[in-house]
Amino acid sequence: MRLLSLALACLVALLQVPLWIGKGSWLRVWEVDRQLVAQREVNSRLRHRNDTIEAEVIDLKTGYEAIEERARAELGMIRQDELFIQVLGGDAAGPARPASPGKGALVPPSPAR
């Protein structure tokens, strides 16, 4: 009887080995589940980025405000008859110097009399 119990216990242990350390083991399932959670997080961030870009594309296709905003921010463009004044900030060493014409500040021509 004792030998039969020992044989059955060994058989049960041998049946458990693939469950814990085999190809489709619980350890592998836990690892794949962790990878799945990480990939879902990456996908969520990418989906948010894509939604933002899609909204920007739609805005650029339908409205002129976004185009004008981009032209101002990225290309430094201004409208015709618009005055551009650049204010230079001072640093800890001394006060700010006023911008001279031709170095970033646009000065309108004086009115003709």
C-alpha atoms as a PDB file:
ATOM      1  CA  MET A   1       0.000   0.000   0.000  1.00  0.00           C
ATOM      2  CA  ARG A   2       2.801   2.348   0.866  1.00  0.00           C
ATOM      3  CA  LEU A   3       4.496   1.749  -2.475  1.00  0.00           C
ATOM      4  CA  LEU A   4       1.236   2.466  -4.346  1.00  0.00           C
ATOM      5  CA  SER A   5       0.773   5.779  -2.469  1.00  0.00           C
ATOM      6  CA  LEU A   6       4.341   6.789  -3.243  1.00  0.00           C
ATOM      7  CA  ALA A   7       3.878   5.906  -6.943  1.00  0.00           C
ATOM      8  CA  LEU A   8       0.652   7.943  -7.136  1.00  0.00           C
ATOM      9  CA  ALA A   9       2.303  10.921  -5.401  1.00  0.00           C
ATOM     10  CA  CYS A  10       5.181  10.802  -7.921  1.00  0.00           C
ATOM     11  CA  LEU A  11       2.686  10.563 -10.791  1.00  0.00           C
ATOM     12  CA  VAL A  12       0.803  13.630  -9.527  1.00  0.00           C
ATOM     13  CA  ALA A  13       4.093  15.517  -9.130  1.00  0.00           C
ATOM     14  CA  LEU A  14       5.114  14.589 -12.687  1.00  0.00           C
ATOM     15  CA  LEU A  15       1.750  15.829 -13.971  1.00  0.00           C
ATOM     16  CA  GLN A  16       2.278  19.152 -12.165  1.00  0.00           C
ATOM     17  CA  VAL A  17       5.718  19.827 -13.722  1.00  0.00           C
ATOM     18  CA  PRO A  18       4.386  21.038 -17.121  1.00  0.00           C
ATOM     19  CA  LEU A  19       1.804  23.173 -15.328  1.00  0.00           C
ATOM     20  CA  TRP A  20       4.467  25.124 -13.425  1.00  0.00           C
ATOM     21  CA  ILE A  21       7.582  25.098 -15.640  1.00  0.00           C
ATOM     22  CA  GLY A  22       6.547  23.844 -19.095  1.00  0.00           C
ATOM     23  CA  LYS A  23       5.765  25.677 -22.334  1.00  0.00           C
ATOM     24  CA  GLY A  24       2.283  26.817 -21.266  1.00  0.00           C
ATOM     25  CA  SER A  25       3.073  27.093 -17.572  1.00  0.00           C
ATOM     26  CA  TRP A  26       1.632  29.514 -15.058  1.00  0.00           C
ATOM     27  CA  LEU A  27       4.947  31.366 -14.967  1.00  0.00           C
ATOM     28  CA  ARG A  28       4.768  31.927 -18.730  1.00  0.00           C
ATOM     29  CA  VAL A  29       1.134  33.043 -18.459  1.00  0.00           C
ATOM     30  CA  TRP A  30       2.054  35.587 -15.777  1.00  0.00           C
ATOM     31  CA  GLU A  31       4.940  36.902 -17.891  1.00  0.00           C
ATOM     32  CA  VAL A  32       2.752  37.261 -20.999  1.00  0.00           C
ATOM     33  CA  ASP A  33       0.061  38.980 -18.910  1.00  0.00           C
ATOM     34  CA  ARG A  34       2.626  41.490 -17.627  1.00  0.00           C
ATOM     35  CA  GLN A  35       3.776  42.149 -21.205  1.00  0.00           C
ATOM     36  CA  LEU A  36       0.152  42.577 -22.280  1.00  0.00           C
ATOM     37  CA  VAL A  37      -0.461  45.208 -19.592  1.00  0.00           C
ATOM     38  CA  ALA A  38       2.691  47.096 -20.616  1.00  0.00           C
ATOM     39  CA  GLN A  39       1.730  46.974 -24.305  1.00  0.00           C
ATOM     40  CA  ARG A  40      -1.786  48.237 -23.543  1.00  0.00           C
ATOM     41  CA  GLU A  41      -0.239  51.202 -21.720  1.00  0.00           C
ATOM     42  CA  VAL A  42       1.997  51.973 -24.710  1.00  0.00           C
ATOM     43  CA  ASN A  43      -0.990  51.638 -27.054  1.00  0.00           C
ATOM     44  CA  SER A  44      -3.004  54.025 -24.895  1.00  0.00           C
ATOM     45  CA  ARG A  45      -0.270  56.682 -25.065  1.00  0.00           C
ATOM     46  CA  LEU A  46       0.084  56.227 -28.820  1.00  0.00           C
ATOM     47  CA  ARG A  47      -3.692  56.391 -29.300  1.00  0.00           C
ATOM     48  CA  HIS A  48      -3.779  59.688 -27.385  1.00  0.00           C
ATOM     49  CA  ARG A  49      -0.928  61.047 -29.536  1.00  0.00           C
ATOM     50  CA  ASN A  50      -2.679  59.948 -32.721  1.00  0.00           C
ATOM     51  CA  ASP A  51      -5.936  61.592 -31.617  1.00  0.00           C
ATOM     52  CA  THR A  52      -4.071  64.831 -30.949  1.00  0.00           C
ATOM     53  CA  ILE A  53      -2.388  64.743 -34.348  1.00  0.00           C
ATOM     54  CA  GLU A  54      -5.669  63.884 -36.066  1.00  0.00           C
ATOM     55  CA  ALA A  55      -7.397  66.844 -34.402  1.00  0.00           C
ATOM     56  CA  GLU A  56      -4.556  69.114 -35.499  1.00  0.00           C
ATOM     57  CA  VAL A  57      -4.795  67.856 -39.095  1.00  0.00           C
ATOM     58  CA  ILE A  58      -8.548  68.439 -39.160  1.00  0.00           C
ATOM     59  CA  ASP A  59      -8.032  71.915 -37.712  1.00  0.00           C
ATOM     60  CA  LEU A  60      -5.397  72.720 -40.338  1.00  0.00           C
ATOM     61  CA  LYS A  61      -7.657  71.481 -43.146  1.00  0.00           C
ATOM     62  CA  THR A  62     -10.767  73.376 -42.045  1.00  0.00           C
ATOM     63  CA  GLY A  63      -9.651  76.546 -40.288  1.00  0.00           C
ATOM     64  CA  TYR A  64      -7.307  79.389 -41.028  1.00  0.00           C
ATOM     65  CA  GLU A  65      -6.628  80.195 -37.360  1.00  0.00           C
ATOM     66  CA  ALA A  66      -4.425  77.132 -36.917  1.00  0.00           C
ATOM     67  CA  ILE A  67      -2.491  77.907 -40.087  1.00  0.00           C
ATOM     68  CA  GLU A  68      -1.942  81.490 -38.972  1.00  0.00           C
ATOM     69  CA  GLU A  69      -0.891  80.367 -35.500  1.00  0.00           C
ATOM     70  CA  ARG A  70       1.665  77.950 -36.960  1.00  0.00           C
ATOM     71  CA  ALA A  71       2.998  80.602 -39.353  1.00  0.00           C
ATOM     72  CA  ARG A  72       3.460  83.013 -36.451  1.00  0.00           C
ATOM     73  CA  ALA A  73       5.018  80.520 -34.024  1.00  0.00           C
ATOM     74  CA  GLU A  74       7.209  78.449 -36.320  1.00  0.00           C
ATOM     75  CA  LEU A  75       8.043  80.824 -39.158  1.00  0.00           C
ATOM     76  CA  GLY A  76       7.944  84.173 -37.355  1.00  0.00           C
ATOM     77  CA  MET A  77       5.504  85.641 -39.863  1.00  0.00           C
ATOM     78  CA  ILE A  78       3.400  88.720 -39.199  1.00  0.00           C
ATOM     79  CA  ARG A  79       0.405  90.231 -40.965  1.00  0.00           C
ATOM     80  CA  GLN A  80       0.693  93.110 -43.335  1.00  0.00           C
ATOM     81  CA  ASP A  81       0.404  96.474 -41.506  1.00  0.00           C
ATOM     82  CA  GLU A  82       1.143  94.756 -38.211  1.00  0.00           C
ATOM     83  CA  LEU A  83       3.782  96.019 -35.783  1.00  0.00           C
ATOM     84  CA  PHE A  84       6.220  93.474 -34.349  1.00  0.00           C
ATOM     85  CA  ILE A  85       7.999  94.397 -31.142  1.00  0.00           C
ATOM     86  CA  GLN A  86      10.486  92.055 -29.515  1.00  0.00           C
ATOM     87  CA  VAL A  87      11.093  92.512 -25.813  1.00  0.00           C
ATOM     88  CA  LEU A  88      14.406  91.142 -24.642  1.00  0.00           C
ATOM     89  CA  GLY A  89      14.443  89.964 -21.051  1.00  0.00           C
ATOM     90  CA  GLY A  90      17.239  90.999 -18.693  1.00  0.00           C
ATOM     91  CA  ASP A  91      19.445  88.521 -16.928  1.00  0.00           C
ATOM     92  CA  ALA A  92      21.046  88.575 -13.497  1.00  0.00           C
ATOM     93  CA  ALA A  93      24.126  90.410 -14.841  1.00  0.00           C
ATOM     94  CA  GLY A  94      22.314  93.574 -15.834  1.00  0.00           C
ATOM     95  CA  PRO A  95      19.234  95.261 -17.248  1.00  0.00           C
ATOM     96  CA  ALA A  96      17.782  94.465 -20.646  1.00  0.00           C
ATOM     97  CA  ARG A  97      18.972  96.479 -23.642  1.00  0.00           C
ATOM     98  CA  PRO A  98      16.427  97.870 -26.060  1.00  0.00           C
ATOM     99  CA  ALA A  99      16.266  96.165 -29.436  1.00  0.00           C
ATOM    100  CA  SER A 100      17.868  98.098 -32.236  1.00  0.00           C
ATOM    101  CA  PRO A 101      16.218  98.240 -35.657  1.00  0.00           C
ATOM    102  CA  GLY A 102      17.318  95.339 -37.786  1.00  0.00           C
ATOM    103  CA  LYS A 103      17.966  93.059 -34.793  1.00  0.00           C
ATOM    104  CA  GLY A 104      14.541  91.544 -34.268  1.00  0.00           C
ATOM    105  CA  ALA A 105      12.369  94.632 -33.945  1.00  0.00           C
ATOM    106  CA  LEU A 106      10.321  95.993 -36.795  1.00  0.00           C
ATOM    107  CA  VAL A 107       9.873  99.720 -36.657  1.00  0.00           C
ATOM    108  CA  PRO A 108       7.135 101.206 -38.829  1.00  0.00           C
ATOM    109  CA  PRO A 109       8.139 103.989 -41.185  1.00  0.00           C
ATOM    110  CA  SER A 110       7.358 107.467 -39.972  1.00  0.00           C
ATOM    111  CA  PRO A 111       4.202 108.952 -41.495  1.00  0.00           C
ATOM    112  CA  ALA A 112       4.757 111.271 -44.460  1.00  0.00           C
ATOM    113  CA  ARG A 113       3.850 114.909 -43.847  1.00  0.00           C
END
